Amino acid sequence: MDKKFTVEESNLICIFAGESRTEVIKDISRALKHLEEDALIELSGKVLEKLNGMSDEEFARIDLTAAE
């Protein structure tokens, strides 16, 4: 499965970069309830959907470099 992440999605994942895909999912899910901006809530939902749809091995192979 080839899940492409947008620049914004990659940046969000980098903010919550952890040791594993599961850890990133937990961290984003925990932060989600504190978000108020609709765009951030939507972005977080898309990222969680993609992360949940991939394996740990696939996650380990993606290049997550935050863009400036």
N, C-alpha and C. Protein backbone atom coordinates (compact mmCIF):
# COMPACT_ATOMS: atom_id res chain seq x y z
N MET A 1 0.85 -1.17 0.00
CA MET A 1 0.00 0.00 0.00
C MET A 1 0.89 1.23 0.00
N ASP A 2 0.62 2.14 -0.92
CA ASP A 2 1.45 3.33 -1.04
C ASP A 2 0.62 4.53 -0.62
N LYS A 3 0.79 4.95 0.61
CA LYS A 3 0.06 6.10 1.13
C LYS A 3 0.94 7.33 0.98
N LYS A 4 0.56 8.23 0.09
CA LYS A 4 1.30 9.47 -0.11
C LYS A 4 0.78 10.51 0.87
N PHE A 5 1.71 11.18 1.50
CA PHE A 5 1.36 12.25 2.43
C PHE A 5 1.66 13.58 1.78
N THR A 6 0.76 14.54 1.96
CA THR A 6 1.01 15.89 1.48
C THR A 6 2.07 16.52 2.37
N VAL A 7 2.57 17.67 1.96
CA VAL A 7 3.56 18.39 2.77
C VAL A 7 2.98 18.71 4.14
N GLU A 8 1.74 19.15 4.16
CA GLU A 8 1.09 19.50 5.43
C GLU A 8 0.94 18.27 6.32
N GLU A 9 0.56 17.15 5.72
CA GLU A 9 0.40 15.92 6.49
C GLU A 9 1.75 15.45 7.04
N SER A 10 2.78 15.52 6.21
CA SER A 10 4.13 15.13 6.66
C SER A 10 4.60 16.01 7.80
N ASN A 11 4.33 17.30 7.70
CA ASN A 11 4.73 18.22 8.77
C ASN A 11 4.02 17.88 10.07
N LEU A 12 2.72 17.55 9.98
CA LEU A 12 1.98 17.18 11.19
C LEU A 12 2.57 15.93 11.81
N ILE A 13 2.88 14.94 10.99
CA ILE A 13 3.48 13.71 11.50
C ILE A 13 4.82 14.02 12.17
N CYS A 14 5.60 14.91 11.57
CA CYS A 14 6.91 15.27 12.15
C CYS A 14 6.77 15.92 13.52
N ILE A 15 5.71 16.67 13.71
CA ILE A 15 5.47 17.30 15.02
C ILE A 15 5.30 16.22 16.09
N PHE A 16 4.63 15.14 15.70
CA PHE A 16 4.35 14.06 16.64
C PHE A 16 5.27 12.86 16.44
N ALA A 17 6.39 13.09 15.79
CA ALA A 17 7.31 11.99 15.47
C ALA A 17 7.62 11.19 16.72
N GLY A 18 7.43 9.90 16.60
CA GLY A 18 7.70 9.02 17.72
C GLY A 18 8.45 7.80 17.24
N GLU A 19 8.54 6.83 18.08
CA GLU A 19 9.27 5.62 17.78
C GLU A 19 8.52 4.70 16.82
N SER A 20 7.19 4.86 16.75
CA SER A 20 6.41 3.95 15.92
C SER A 20 5.17 4.64 15.37
N ARG A 21 4.58 4.01 14.38
CA ARG A 21 3.33 4.49 13.79
C ARG A 21 2.25 4.54 14.86
N THR A 22 2.20 3.52 15.70
CA THR A 22 1.20 3.45 16.76
C THR A 22 1.34 4.62 17.73
N GLU A 23 2.56 4.96 18.06
CA GLU A 23 2.81 6.08 18.97
C GLU A 23 2.35 7.41 18.36
N VAL A 24 2.62 7.58 17.07
CA VAL A 24 2.19 8.81 16.37
C VAL A 24 0.67 8.87 16.35
N ILE A 25 0.01 7.76 16.07
CA ILE A 25 -1.45 7.72 16.06
C ILE A 25 -2.01 8.11 17.43
N LYS A 26 -1.45 7.54 18.48
CA LYS A 26 -1.91 7.86 19.84
C LYS A 26 -1.73 9.33 20.16
N ASP A 27 -0.57 9.89 19.80
CA ASP A 27 -0.28 11.29 20.10
C ASP A 27 -1.20 12.24 19.34
N ILE A 28 -1.42 11.96 18.05
CA ILE A 28 -2.31 12.82 17.28
C ILE A 28 -3.74 12.70 17.81
N SER A 29 -4.16 11.50 18.12
CA SER A 29 -5.52 11.29 18.66
C SER A 29 -5.71 12.03 19.98
N ARG A 30 -4.70 12.01 20.80
CA ARG A 30 -4.77 12.72 22.09
C ARG A 30 -4.87 14.23 21.89
N ALA A 31 -4.12 14.75 20.93
CA ALA A 31 -4.12 16.20 20.67
C ALA A 31 -5.40 16.65 19.97
N LEU A 32 -6.02 15.75 19.22
CA LEU A 32 -7.19 16.09 18.42
C LEU A 32 -8.31 16.72 19.24
N LYS A 33 -8.52 16.22 20.43
CA LYS A 33 -9.62 16.75 21.25
C LYS A 33 -9.37 18.18 21.74
N HIS A 34 -8.13 18.66 21.59
CA HIS A 34 -7.80 20.02 22.03
C HIS A 34 -7.78 21.02 20.87
N LEU A 35 -7.95 20.54 19.67
CA LEU A 35 -7.92 21.41 18.49
C LEU A 35 -9.26 22.11 18.32
N GLU A 36 -9.20 23.36 17.89
CA GLU A 36 -10.41 24.13 17.66
C GLU A 36 -10.57 24.53 16.21
N GLU A 37 -9.48 24.60 15.47
CA GLU A 37 -9.52 25.04 14.09
C GLU A 37 -9.95 23.87 13.19
N ASP A 38 -10.99 24.11 12.40
CA ASP A 38 -11.55 23.06 11.54
C ASP A 38 -10.51 22.48 10.58
N ALA A 39 -9.64 23.33 10.03
CA ALA A 39 -8.64 22.85 9.07
C ALA A 39 -7.66 21.88 9.73
N LEU A 40 -7.29 22.14 10.97
CA LEU A 40 -6.38 21.24 11.69
C LEU A 40 -7.07 19.94 12.08
N ILE A 41 -8.32 20.03 12.42
CA ILE A 41 -9.09 18.83 12.75
C ILE A 41 -9.21 17.95 11.51
N GLU A 42 -9.52 18.56 10.38
CA GLU A 42 -9.64 17.81 9.13
C GLU A 42 -8.31 17.19 8.73
N LEU A 43 -7.24 17.96 8.81
CA LEU A 43 -5.90 17.46 8.48
C LEU A 43 -5.53 16.29 9.38
N SER A 44 -5.77 16.43 10.66
CA SER A 44 -5.45 15.36 11.60
C SER A 44 -6.24 14.09 11.28
N GLY A 45 -7.50 14.26 10.92
CA GLY A 45 -8.33 13.11 10.56
C GLY A 45 -7.81 12.38 9.34
N LYS A 46 -7.37 13.13 8.33
CA LYS A 46 -6.82 12.53 7.12
C LYS A 46 -5.54 11.77 7.43
N VAL A 47 -4.70 12.36 8.26
CA VAL A 47 -3.44 11.71 8.63
C VAL A 47 -3.71 10.43 9.41
N LEU A 48 -4.63 10.49 10.35
CA LEU A 48 -4.96 9.29 11.13
C LEU A 48 -5.51 8.19 10.24
N GLU A 49 -6.34 8.55 9.28
CA GLU A 49 -6.89 7.56 8.35
C GLU A 49 -5.78 6.87 7.56
N LYS A 50 -4.84 7.65 7.06
CA LYS A 50 -3.73 7.08 6.29
C LYS A 50 -2.83 6.23 7.18
N LEU A 51 -2.54 6.70 8.38
CA LEU A 51 -1.67 5.94 9.28
C LEU A 51 -2.33 4.63 9.70
N ASN A 52 -3.63 4.66 9.94
CA ASN A 52 -4.34 3.44 10.32
C ASN A 52 -4.43 2.45 9.16
N GLY A 53 -4.31 2.95 7.94
CA GLY A 53 -4.40 2.10 6.77
C GLY A 53 -3.07 1.55 6.29
N MET A 54 -2.01 1.77 7.03
CA MET A 54 -0.71 1.26 6.64
C MET A 54 -0.11 0.41 7.75
N SER A 55 0.86 -0.37 7.38
CA SER A 55 1.55 -1.22 8.37
C SER A 55 2.71 -0.45 8.99
N ASP A 56 3.24 -1.01 10.07
CA ASP A 56 4.41 -0.42 10.71
C ASP A 56 5.61 -0.42 9.76
N GLU A 57 5.70 -1.48 8.95
CA GLU A 57 6.80 -1.58 7.99
C GLU A 57 6.71 -0.48 6.93
N GLU A 58 5.50 -0.23 6.46
CA GLU A 58 5.30 0.84 5.48
C GLU A 58 5.64 2.20 6.10
N PHE A 59 5.23 2.39 7.35
CA PHE A 59 5.51 3.65 8.04
C PHE A 59 7.02 3.86 8.18
N ALA A 60 7.73 2.80 8.49
CA ALA A 60 9.18 2.90 8.68
C ALA A 60 9.89 3.28 7.38
N ARG A 61 9.30 2.98 6.25
CA ARG A 61 9.93 3.26 4.95
C ARG A 61 9.64 4.66 4.42
N ILE A 62 8.68 5.37 4.99
CA ILE A 62 8.37 6.69 4.43
C ILE A 62 9.38 7.72 4.91
N ASP A 63 9.66 8.68 4.02
CA ASP A 63 10.60 9.75 4.33
C ASP A 63 9.82 10.89 4.94
N LEU A 64 10.00 11.12 6.22
CA LEU A 64 9.30 12.18 6.92
C LEU A 64 10.27 13.29 7.28
N THR A 65 10.39 14.24 6.36
CA THR A 65 11.23 15.39 6.60
C THR A 65 10.33 16.62 6.58
N ALA A 66 10.34 17.36 7.66
CA ALA A 66 9.51 18.55 7.75
C ALA A 66 9.94 19.58 6.72
N ALA A 67 8.96 20.15 6.03
CA ALA A 67 9.24 21.20 5.04
C ALA A 67 9.14 22.55 5.73
N GLU A 68 9.90 23.48 5.23
CA GLU A 68 9.87 24.83 5.81
C GLU A 68 8.94 25.72 5.06
